[in-house]
Amino acid sequence: MTEASIIELYFARSEAAIDESERAYGSFCRRIAMNVLADHEDAEESVNDTWLAAWNAIPPTRPDSLKAYFGRLTRRISISRLRKRTAHKRGGGEAELAFEELSECLAAPDDPQRAVETAELIAALNAFLASLPETERDLFVARYFFTLPLAELSERFALRENTVKSKLRRTRQKLLQRLQKEGLL
């Protein structure tokens, strides 16, 4: 079934939309949730919450790409679940490590004054990613959006794990410099 057909099922408020979403994007969403949560039960709940969130948002939202839309929903829901689960603990999963690595480039937690700057930060991040060579960009997105473990990145990109770490560190440093130059940090 095509993306457009699935979206139309959501607009028609047909429960088949959820079944078709699960069939087409369920494994993709589960992988994202597992990379963030490292727990099958929590990952499954996050995916189910993704379908509920999509049901509540479509309509009026009409995503350009369902895969990207579901990926963002799953990632956001999984990160939220991880934060609740680890509220009293530190470290442990790949997601925590990835977020810790990026912490120097990210703003303080939601603050009313920072809300206005969010759009600027998103635009700057997108411009930064667009300026990177393809391999660096793909490594950065795979690590910090999909939270893939370093060992998997090493295998996927046919690089030594230390090389992956170095490339990611240099890319984070470039991002930090760019955000500071643009006055976003």
N, C-alpha and C. Protein backbone atom coordinates (compact mmCIF):
# COMPACT_ATOMS: atom_id res chain seq x y z
N MET A 1 0.85 -1.17 0.00
CA MET A 1 0.00 0.00 0.00
C MET A 1 0.90 1.24 0.00
N THR A 2 0.51 2.25 -0.74
CA THR A 2 1.33 3.46 -0.85
C THR A 2 1.14 4.37 0.37
N GLU A 3 2.09 5.29 0.54
CA GLU A 3 1.98 6.26 1.64
C GLU A 3 0.70 7.07 1.51
N ALA A 4 0.40 7.50 0.30
CA ALA A 4 -0.80 8.32 0.07
C ALA A 4 -2.06 7.55 0.46
N SER A 5 -2.08 6.26 0.17
CA SER A 5 -3.25 5.44 0.51
C SER A 5 -3.40 5.31 2.02
N ILE A 6 -2.28 5.16 2.71
CA ILE A 6 -2.32 5.04 4.18
C ILE A 6 -2.80 6.36 4.78
N ILE A 7 -2.28 7.47 4.27
CA ILE A 7 -2.72 8.78 4.76
C ILE A 7 -4.22 8.96 4.54
N GLU A 8 -4.70 8.54 3.41
CA GLU A 8 -6.14 8.65 3.13
C GLU A 8 -6.96 7.80 4.11
N LEU A 9 -6.42 6.65 4.51
CA LEU A 9 -7.11 5.83 5.51
C LEU A 9 -7.20 6.58 6.84
N TYR A 10 -6.13 7.29 7.20
CA TYR A 10 -6.18 8.11 8.42
C TYR A 10 -7.24 9.20 8.29
N PHE A 11 -7.28 9.86 7.14
CA PHE A 11 -8.25 10.93 6.94
C PHE A 11 -9.68 10.40 6.93
N ALA A 12 -9.85 9.15 6.49
CA ALA A 12 -11.17 8.52 6.49
C ALA A 12 -11.51 7.95 7.87
N ARG A 13 -10.55 8.06 8.81
CA ARG A 13 -10.69 7.55 10.18
C ARG A 13 -10.93 6.04 10.19
N SER A 14 -10.28 5.35 9.26
CA SER A 14 -10.37 3.90 9.18
C SER A 14 -9.28 3.27 10.05
N GLU A 15 -9.67 2.32 10.89
CA GLU A 15 -8.70 1.64 11.74
C GLU A 15 -7.69 0.83 10.94
N ALA A 16 -8.00 0.59 9.68
CA ALA A 16 -7.05 -0.10 8.80
C ALA A 16 -5.78 0.72 8.63
N ALA A 17 -5.85 2.02 8.86
CA ALA A 17 -4.66 2.88 8.75
C ALA A 17 -3.58 2.41 9.71
N ILE A 18 -3.98 2.05 10.91
CA ILE A 18 -3.00 1.60 11.91
C ILE A 18 -2.41 0.25 11.50
N ASP A 19 -3.26 -0.66 11.02
CA ASP A 19 -2.77 -1.96 10.56
C ASP A 19 -1.77 -1.80 9.41
N GLU A 20 -2.10 -0.93 8.46
CA GLU A 20 -1.22 -0.71 7.31
C GLU A 20 0.07 -0.01 7.73
N SER A 21 -0.03 0.91 8.68
CA SER A 21 1.16 1.59 9.19
C SER A 21 2.08 0.58 9.85
N GLU A 22 1.51 -0.29 10.66
CA GLU A 22 2.28 -1.34 11.34
C GLU A 22 2.95 -2.25 10.31
N ARG A 23 2.20 -2.65 9.30
CA ARG A 23 2.73 -3.55 8.29
C ARG A 23 3.89 -2.90 7.52
N ALA A 24 3.72 -1.64 7.15
CA ALA A 24 4.72 -0.96 6.33
C ALA A 24 5.90 -0.41 7.13
N TYR A 25 5.64 0.09 8.35
CA TYR A 25 6.68 0.82 9.09
C TYR A 25 6.95 0.30 10.49
N GLY A 26 6.30 -0.77 10.89
CA GLY A 26 6.45 -1.30 12.24
C GLY A 26 7.87 -1.68 12.58
N SER A 27 8.55 -2.42 11.70
CA SER A 27 9.91 -2.86 12.01
C SER A 27 10.87 -1.67 12.05
N PHE A 28 10.66 -0.70 11.19
CA PHE A 28 11.48 0.53 11.19
C PHE A 28 11.32 1.25 12.53
N CYS A 29 10.09 1.42 12.98
CA CYS A 29 9.83 2.12 14.24
C CYS A 29 10.35 1.33 15.43
N ARG A 30 10.22 0.01 15.40
CA ARG A 30 10.73 -0.82 16.49
C ARG A 30 12.24 -0.70 16.61
N ARG A 31 12.90 -0.64 15.48
CA ARG A 31 14.37 -0.51 15.50
C ARG A 31 14.77 0.81 16.16
N ILE A 32 14.10 1.88 15.81
CA ILE A 32 14.41 3.18 16.42
C ILE A 32 14.16 3.10 17.93
N ALA A 33 13.02 2.56 18.31
CA ALA A 33 12.68 2.46 19.73
C ALA A 33 13.68 1.58 20.48
N MET A 34 14.10 0.48 19.88
CA MET A 34 15.08 -0.40 20.53
C MET A 34 16.43 0.28 20.67
N ASN A 35 16.83 1.06 19.66
CA ASN A 35 18.10 1.77 19.74
C ASN A 35 18.10 2.79 20.87
N VAL A 36 16.95 3.38 21.13
CA VAL A 36 16.86 4.37 22.21
C VAL A 36 16.69 3.68 23.56
N LEU A 37 15.81 2.69 23.62
CA LEU A 37 15.40 2.12 24.91
C LEU A 37 16.13 0.84 25.33
N ALA A 38 16.59 0.06 24.37
CA ALA A 38 17.25 -1.21 24.64
C ALA A 38 16.39 -2.13 25.52
N ASP A 39 15.09 -2.11 25.31
CA ASP A 39 14.16 -2.95 26.06
C ASP A 39 12.98 -3.25 25.15
N HIS A 40 12.72 -4.55 24.91
CA HIS A 40 11.69 -4.95 23.96
C HIS A 40 10.30 -4.47 24.37
N GLU A 41 9.95 -4.62 25.64
CA GLU A 41 8.62 -4.21 26.09
C GLU A 41 8.41 -2.72 25.95
N ASP A 42 9.38 -1.93 26.38
CA ASP A 42 9.28 -0.48 26.26
C ASP A 42 9.25 -0.06 24.79
N ALA A 43 10.04 -0.73 23.97
CA ALA A 43 10.07 -0.41 22.54
C ALA A 43 8.71 -0.69 21.91
N GLU A 44 8.12 -1.82 22.27
CA GLU A 44 6.80 -2.16 21.72
C GLU A 44 5.75 -1.14 22.16
N GLU A 45 5.81 -0.72 23.41
CA GLU A 45 4.86 0.29 23.89
C GLU A 45 5.07 1.62 23.16
N SER A 46 6.32 1.97 22.91
CA SER A 46 6.60 3.20 22.17
C SER A 46 6.04 3.15 20.76
N VAL A 47 6.18 2.01 20.11
CA VAL A 47 5.64 1.87 18.75
C VAL A 47 4.11 1.97 18.79
N ASN A 48 3.49 1.32 19.76
CA ASN A 48 2.04 1.43 19.89
C ASN A 48 1.62 2.87 20.16
N ASP A 49 2.40 3.57 20.98
CA ASP A 49 2.11 4.99 21.24
C ASP A 49 2.31 5.82 19.97
N THR A 50 3.22 5.39 19.11
CA THR A 50 3.42 6.08 17.83
C THR A 50 2.15 6.01 16.99
N TRP A 51 1.54 4.82 16.93
CA TRP A 51 0.32 4.70 16.12
C TRP A 51 -0.81 5.54 16.72
N LEU A 52 -0.89 5.58 18.05
CA LEU A 52 -1.90 6.40 18.70
C LEU A 52 -1.66 7.89 18.41
N ALA A 53 -0.42 8.32 18.52
CA ALA A 53 -0.09 9.72 18.25
C ALA A 53 -0.40 10.08 16.80
N ALA A 54 -0.10 9.17 15.88
CA ALA A 54 -0.41 9.42 14.47
C ALA A 54 -1.93 9.49 14.27
N TRP A 55 -2.66 8.60 14.91
CA TRP A 55 -4.12 8.60 14.80
C TRP A 55 -4.69 9.94 15.29
N ASN A 56 -4.12 10.47 16.36
CA ASN A 56 -4.60 11.73 16.92
C ASN A 56 -4.16 12.94 16.11
N ALA A 57 -3.07 12.82 15.36
CA ALA A 57 -2.52 13.97 14.62
C ALA A 57 -2.96 14.03 13.16
N ILE A 58 -3.29 12.89 12.59
CA ILE A 58 -3.71 12.83 11.18
C ILE A 58 -5.20 12.51 11.14
N PRO A 59 -6.07 13.31 10.63
CA PRO A 59 -5.89 14.71 10.25
C PRO A 59 -5.79 15.59 11.48
N PRO A 60 -5.43 16.81 11.39
CA PRO A 60 -5.26 17.65 10.21
C PRO A 60 -3.88 17.55 9.58
N THR A 61 -2.88 17.02 10.30
CA THR A 61 -1.53 16.92 9.74
C THR A 61 -1.55 16.00 8.53
N ARG A 62 -0.82 16.39 7.49
CA ARG A 62 -0.66 15.55 6.30
C ARG A 62 0.85 15.45 6.04
N PRO A 63 1.48 14.41 6.60
CA PRO A 63 2.95 14.29 6.48
C PRO A 63 3.38 14.12 5.02
N ASP A 64 4.55 14.71 4.71
CA ASP A 64 5.12 14.54 3.37
C ASP A 64 5.69 13.14 3.21
N SER A 65 6.27 12.63 4.29
CA SER A 65 6.86 11.29 4.28
C SER A 65 6.43 10.57 5.55
N LEU A 66 5.65 9.52 5.40
CA LEU A 66 5.20 8.77 6.58
C LEU A 66 6.37 8.13 7.32
N LYS A 67 7.34 7.63 6.59
CA LYS A 67 8.48 6.98 7.24
C LYS A 67 9.19 7.98 8.15
N ALA A 68 9.48 9.15 7.64
CA ALA A 68 10.15 10.18 8.45
C ALA A 68 9.24 10.63 9.60
N TYR A 69 7.97 10.78 9.33
CA TYR A 69 7.01 11.22 10.34
C TYR A 69 6.92 10.20 11.48
N PHE A 70 6.75 8.92 11.11
CA PHE A 70 6.68 7.87 12.13
C PHE A 70 8.02 7.75 12.87
N GLY A 71 9.14 7.91 12.16
CA GLY A 71 10.45 7.85 12.79
C GLY A 71 10.61 8.93 13.84
N ARG A 72 10.19 10.17 13.50
CA ARG A 72 10.27 11.28 14.48
C ARG A 72 9.37 11.02 15.67
N LEU A 73 8.13 10.56 15.41
CA LEU A 73 7.22 10.27 16.51
C LEU A 73 7.80 9.20 17.43
N THR A 74 8.27 8.12 16.85
CA THR A 74 8.82 7.01 17.64
C THR A 74 10.02 7.47 18.44
N ARG A 75 10.90 8.22 17.81
CA ARG A 75 12.08 8.71 18.50
C ARG A 75 11.69 9.61 19.68
N ARG A 76 10.79 10.55 19.44
CA ARG A 76 10.36 11.47 20.51
C ARG A 76 9.70 10.71 21.66
N ILE A 77 8.82 9.79 21.33
CA ILE A 77 8.11 9.00 22.35
C ILE A 77 9.10 8.12 23.11
N SER A 78 10.05 7.52 22.41
CA SER A 78 11.04 6.65 23.06
C SER A 78 11.96 7.44 23.97
N ILE A 79 12.38 8.60 23.53
CA ILE A 79 13.24 9.44 24.37
C ILE A 79 12.48 9.87 25.62
N SER A 80 11.23 10.21 25.46
CA SER A 80 10.40 10.59 26.61
C SER A 80 10.28 9.43 27.59
N ARG A 81 10.05 8.24 27.07
CA ARG A 81 9.95 7.04 27.91
C ARG A 81 11.29 6.77 28.61
N LEU A 82 12.39 6.94 27.89
CA LEU A 82 13.72 6.73 28.47
C LEU A 82 13.97 7.73 29.59
N ARG A 83 13.63 8.97 29.39
CA ARG A 83 13.83 9.99 30.43
C ARG A 83 13.03 9.65 31.68
N LYS A 84 11.81 9.19 31.50
CA LYS A 84 11.00 8.80 32.66
C LYS A 84 11.62 7.61 33.38
N ARG A 85 12.08 6.65 32.59
CA ARG A 85 12.64 5.43 33.15
C ARG A 85 13.96 5.70 33.87
N THR A 86 14.75 6.62 33.38
CA THR A 86 16.06 6.87 33.96
C THR A 86 16.10 8.17 34.76
N ALA A 87 14.97 8.62 35.20
CA ALA A 87 14.91 9.89 35.94
C ALA A 87 15.81 9.87 37.17
N HIS A 88 15.98 8.73 37.79
CA HIS A 88 16.78 8.64 39.00
C HIS A 88 18.09 7.89 38.78
N LYS A 89 18.39 7.56 37.52
CA LYS A 89 19.61 6.84 37.20
C LYS A 89 20.40 7.63 36.17
N ARG A 90 21.66 7.33 36.03
CA ARG A 90 22.49 7.95 35.01
C ARG A 90 23.13 6.85 34.17
N GLY A 91 23.35 7.15 32.88
CA GLY A 91 24.07 6.26 31.99
C GLY A 91 23.33 4.98 31.67
N GLY A 92 24.02 4.06 30.99
CA GLY A 92 23.46 2.75 30.74
C GLY A 92 23.30 2.43 29.28
N GLY A 93 22.37 3.06 28.60
CA GLY A 93 22.05 2.71 27.23
C GLY A 93 22.78 3.54 26.19
N GLU A 94 22.68 3.11 24.95
CA GLU A 94 23.30 3.84 23.84
C GLU A 94 22.73 5.24 23.73
N ALA A 95 21.43 5.38 23.94
CA ALA A 95 20.82 6.70 23.82
C ALA A 95 21.42 7.66 24.82
N GLU A 96 21.59 7.21 26.05
CA GLU A 96 22.18 8.07 27.07
C GLU A 96 23.59 8.48 26.66
N LEU A 97 24.36 7.54 26.12
CA LEU A 97 25.72 7.86 25.68
C LEU A 97 25.69 8.86 24.54
N ALA A 98 24.80 8.64 23.58
CA ALA A 98 24.70 9.55 22.44
C ALA A 98 24.30 10.94 22.89
N PHE A 99 23.33 11.05 23.79
CA PHE A 99 22.88 12.36 24.26
C PHE A 99 23.96 13.04 25.09
N GLU A 100 24.71 12.25 25.84
CA GLU A 100 25.80 12.80 26.64
C GLU A 100 26.88 13.38 25.72
N GLU A 101 27.19 12.67 24.62
CA GLU A 101 28.19 13.14 23.67
C GLU A 101 27.78 14.47 23.07
N LEU A 102 26.49 14.64 22.82
CA LEU A 102 25.98 15.86 22.19
C LEU A 102 25.67 16.98 23.18
N SER A 103 25.74 16.71 24.45
CA SER A 103 25.28 17.66 25.45
C SER A 103 25.96 19.02 25.35
N GLU A 104 27.23 19.03 24.95
CA GLU A 104 27.93 20.32 24.86
C GLU A 104 27.40 21.18 23.71
N CYS A 105 26.70 20.57 22.76
CA CYS A 105 26.18 21.31 21.61
C CYS A 105 24.71 21.68 21.77
N LEU A 106 24.08 21.17 22.81
CA LEU A 106 22.65 21.39 22.98
C LEU A 106 22.38 22.45 24.03
N ALA A 107 21.27 23.12 23.84
CA ALA A 107 20.87 24.16 24.79
C ALA A 107 20.39 23.54 26.08
N ALA A 108 20.23 24.39 27.08
CA ALA A 108 19.68 23.95 28.36
C ALA A 108 18.27 23.43 28.14
N PRO A 109 17.73 22.65 29.08
CA PRO A 109 16.38 22.14 28.94
C PRO A 109 15.40 23.27 28.68
N ASP A 110 14.23 22.88 28.18
CA ASP A 110 13.23 23.86 27.77
C ASP A 110 13.12 25.02 28.74
N ASP A 111 13.29 26.17 28.21
CA ASP A 111 13.26 27.41 28.95
C ASP A 111 12.45 28.36 28.07
N PRO A 112 11.54 29.12 28.62
CA PRO A 112 10.70 29.98 27.79
C PRO A 112 11.48 30.87 26.82
N GLN A 113 12.62 31.39 27.24
CA GLN A 113 13.40 32.24 26.35
C GLN A 113 14.00 31.44 25.20
N ARG A 114 14.32 30.19 25.44
CA ARG A 114 14.92 29.35 24.40
C ARG A 114 13.90 28.87 23.38
N ALA A 115 12.62 28.89 23.75
CA ALA A 115 11.59 28.41 22.83
C ALA A 115 11.61 29.19 21.53
N VAL A 116 11.85 30.49 21.61
CA VAL A 116 11.89 31.34 20.42
C VAL A 116 13.07 30.96 19.54
N GLU A 117 14.17 30.54 20.15
CA GLU A 117 15.38 30.21 19.40
C GLU A 117 15.36 28.81 18.79
N THR A 118 14.35 28.02 19.13
CA THR A 118 14.30 26.64 18.65
C THR A 118 14.29 26.57 17.12
N ALA A 119 13.50 27.42 16.48
CA ALA A 119 13.43 27.41 15.02
C ALA A 119 14.79 27.76 14.42
N GLU A 120 15.48 28.73 15.02
CA GLU A 120 16.81 29.10 14.54
C GLU A 120 17.79 27.95 14.71
N LEU A 121 17.70 27.27 15.84
CA LEU A 121 18.59 26.14 16.10
C LEU A 121 18.35 25.02 15.09
N ILE A 122 17.09 24.74 14.81
CA ILE A 122 16.75 23.69 13.83
C ILE A 122 17.30 24.06 12.46
N ALA A 123 17.10 25.32 12.06
CA ALA A 123 17.60 25.77 10.76
C ALA A 123 19.13 25.67 10.71
N ALA A 124 19.79 26.07 11.79
CA ALA A 124 21.25 26.00 11.83
C ALA A 124 21.73 24.55 11.77
N LEU A 125 21.05 23.66 12.47
CA LEU A 125 21.43 22.25 12.45
C LEU A 125 21.24 21.66 11.05
N ASN A 126 20.12 21.98 10.42
CA ASN A 126 19.87 21.49 9.06
C ASN A 126 20.92 22.02 8.09
N ALA A 127 21.27 23.30 8.20
CA ALA A 127 22.30 23.89 7.34
C ALA A 127 23.65 23.23 7.60
N PHE A 128 23.95 22.98 8.87
CA PHE A 128 25.20 22.32 9.24
C PHE A 128 25.25 20.92 8.61
N LEU A 129 24.18 20.17 8.77
CA LEU A 129 24.15 18.81 8.21
C LEU A 129 24.29 18.83 6.69
N ALA A 130 23.65 19.80 6.05
CA ALA A 130 23.73 19.92 4.59
C ALA A 130 25.16 20.25 4.14
N SER A 131 25.93 20.91 4.99
CA SER A 131 27.29 21.30 4.62
C SER A 131 28.30 20.17 4.79
N LEU A 132 27.93 19.12 5.49
CA LEU A 132 28.86 18.02 5.75
C LEU A 132 29.00 17.10 4.55
N PRO A 133 30.18 16.49 4.41
CA PRO A 133 30.31 15.42 3.40
C PRO A 133 29.34 14.29 3.76
N GLU A 134 28.92 13.55 2.77
CA GLU A 134 27.88 12.53 2.96
C GLU A 134 28.18 11.53 4.07
N THR A 135 29.40 11.02 4.13
CA THR A 135 29.73 10.02 5.15
C THR A 135 29.63 10.61 6.55
N GLU A 136 30.17 11.83 6.74
CA GLU A 136 30.09 12.47 8.06
C GLU A 136 28.64 12.71 8.45
N ARG A 137 27.85 13.18 7.51
CA ARG A 137 26.43 13.45 7.78
C ARG A 137 25.70 12.16 8.14
N ASP A 138 25.94 11.11 7.36
CA ASP A 138 25.26 9.84 7.62
C ASP A 138 25.67 9.26 8.97
N LEU A 139 26.95 9.37 9.33
CA LEU A 139 27.42 8.91 10.64
C LEU A 139 26.74 9.70 11.76
N PHE A 140 26.70 11.01 11.61
CA PHE A 140 26.11 11.89 12.62
C PHE A 140 24.63 11.57 12.82
N VAL A 141 23.90 11.45 11.74
CA VAL A 141 22.46 11.16 11.82
C VAL A 141 22.22 9.76 12.39
N ALA A 142 23.00 8.79 11.94
CA ALA A 142 22.84 7.42 12.44
C ALA A 142 23.10 7.35 13.94
N ARG A 143 24.08 8.10 14.42
CA ARG A 143 24.41 8.06 15.85
C ARG A 143 23.44 8.88 16.69
N TYR A 144 23.15 10.10 16.26
CA TYR A 144 22.42 11.01 17.13
C TYR A 144 20.93 11.11 16.84
N PHE A 145 20.48 10.60 15.71
CA PHE A 145 19.03 10.54 15.48
C PHE A 145 18.53 9.12 15.71
N PHE A 146 19.21 8.16 15.10
CA PHE A 146 18.78 6.77 15.24
C PHE A 146 19.47 6.07 16.41
N THR A 147 20.39 6.73 17.06
CA THR A 147 21.15 6.24 18.23
C THR A 147 21.74 4.84 18.02
N LEU A 148 22.34 4.64 16.86
CA LEU A 148 22.98 3.35 16.60
C LEU A 148 24.26 3.24 17.42
N PRO A 149 24.55 2.06 17.94
CA PRO A 149 25.77 1.84 18.72
C PRO A 149 27.02 2.03 17.85
N LEU A 150 28.11 2.40 18.49
CA LEU A 150 29.37 2.63 17.76
C LEU A 150 29.81 1.39 16.99
N ALA A 151 29.64 0.23 17.59
CA ALA A 151 30.06 -1.01 16.92
C ALA A 151 29.27 -1.22 15.63
N GLU A 152 28.00 -0.92 15.65
CA GLU A 152 27.18 -1.08 14.45
C GLU A 152 27.56 -0.05 13.39
N LEU A 153 27.86 1.17 13.83
CA LEU A 153 28.31 2.20 12.88
C LEU A 153 29.61 1.78 12.23
N SER A 154 30.51 1.24 13.04
CA SER A 154 31.80 0.78 12.54
C SER A 154 31.60 -0.26 11.44
N GLU A 155 30.72 -1.20 11.70
CA GLU A 155 30.45 -2.26 10.73
C GLU A 155 29.74 -1.70 9.49
N ARG A 156 28.73 -0.87 9.69
CA ARG A 156 27.93 -0.33 8.60
C ARG A 156 28.74 0.55 7.65
N PHE A 157 29.69 1.32 8.22
CA PHE A 157 30.47 2.24 7.40
C PHE A 157 31.85 1.70 7.06
N ALA A 158 32.12 0.45 7.45
CA ALA A 158 33.40 -0.21 7.18
C ALA A 158 34.57 0.64 7.68
N LEU A 159 34.44 1.09 8.92
CA LEU A 159 35.48 1.89 9.57
C LEU A 159 35.81 1.26 10.92
N ARG A 160 37.03 1.49 11.39
CA ARG A 160 37.37 1.04 12.74
C ARG A 160 36.55 1.86 13.73
N GLU A 161 36.25 1.26 14.87
CA GLU A 161 35.44 1.95 15.88
C GLU A 161 36.11 3.24 16.35
N ASN A 162 37.43 3.23 16.49
CA ASN A 162 38.14 4.46 16.88
C ASN A 162 38.01 5.54 15.82
N THR A 163 37.98 5.15 14.56
CA THR A 163 37.80 6.11 13.47
C THR A 163 36.41 6.73 13.55
N VAL A 164 35.42 5.91 13.83
CA VAL A 164 34.05 6.40 13.98
C VAL A 164 33.99 7.41 15.12
N LYS A 165 34.59 7.05 16.27
CA LYS A 165 34.60 7.96 17.42
C LYS A 165 35.26 9.29 17.06
N SER A 166 36.38 9.22 16.36
CA SER A 166 37.10 10.44 15.98
C SER A 166 36.28 11.31 15.04
N LYS A 167 35.67 10.67 14.05
CA LYS A 167 34.85 11.43 13.10
C LYS A 167 33.67 12.10 13.82
N LEU A 168 33.04 11.37 14.71
CA LEU A 168 31.91 11.94 15.44
C LEU A 168 32.36 13.09 16.35
N ARG A 169 33.50 12.91 17.00
CA ARG A 169 34.02 13.96 17.88
C ARG A 169 34.32 15.23 17.07
N ARG A 170 34.98 15.06 15.92
CA ARG A 170 35.30 16.22 15.08
C ARG A 170 34.03 16.89 14.56
N THR A 171 33.03 16.10 14.21
CA THR A 171 31.77 16.66 13.72
C THR A 171 31.06 17.42 14.84
N ARG A 172 31.07 16.87 16.05
CA ARG A 172 30.47 17.59 17.19
C ARG A 172 31.20 18.90 17.44
N GLN A 173 32.53 18.88 17.32
CA GLN A 173 33.30 20.10 17.53
C GLN A 173 32.95 21.15 16.48
N LYS A 174 32.81 20.71 15.22
CA LYS A 174 32.40 21.63 14.15
C LYS A 174 31.03 22.22 14.44
N LEU A 175 30.12 21.36 14.89
CA LEU A 175 28.76 21.83 15.22
C LEU A 175 28.81 22.84 16.35
N LEU A 176 29.57 22.54 17.38
CA LEU A 176 29.69 23.45 18.51
C LEU A 176 30.23 24.81 18.06
N GLN A 177 31.29 24.79 17.26
CA GLN A 177 31.87 26.04 16.75
C GLN A 177 30.85 26.82 15.93
N ARG A 178 30.13 26.13 15.09
CA ARG A 178 29.14 26.81 14.23
C ARG A 178 28.02 27.42 15.06
N LEU A 179 27.52 26.67 16.04
CA LEU A 179 26.45 27.19 16.89
C LEU A 179 26.92 28.38 17.71
N GLN A 180 28.17 28.32 18.18
CA GLN A 180 28.72 29.46 18.93
C GLN A 180 28.91 30.66 18.01
N LYS A 181 29.39 30.44 16.79
CA LYS A 181 29.59 31.51 15.82
C LYS A 181 28.26 32.21 15.49
N GLU A 182 27.19 31.42 15.40
CA GLU A 182 25.88 31.98 15.07
C GLU A 182 25.15 32.51 16.30
N GLY A 183 25.80 32.42 17.45
CA GLY A 183 25.21 32.95 18.67
C GLY A 183 24.06 32.13 19.23
N LEU A 184 24.03 30.85 18.89
CA LEU A 184 22.95 29.98 19.36
C LEU A 184 23.34 29.23 20.63
N LEU A 185 24.57 29.38 21.06
CA LEU A 185 25.03 28.78 22.33
C LEU A 185 25.74 29.83 23.15
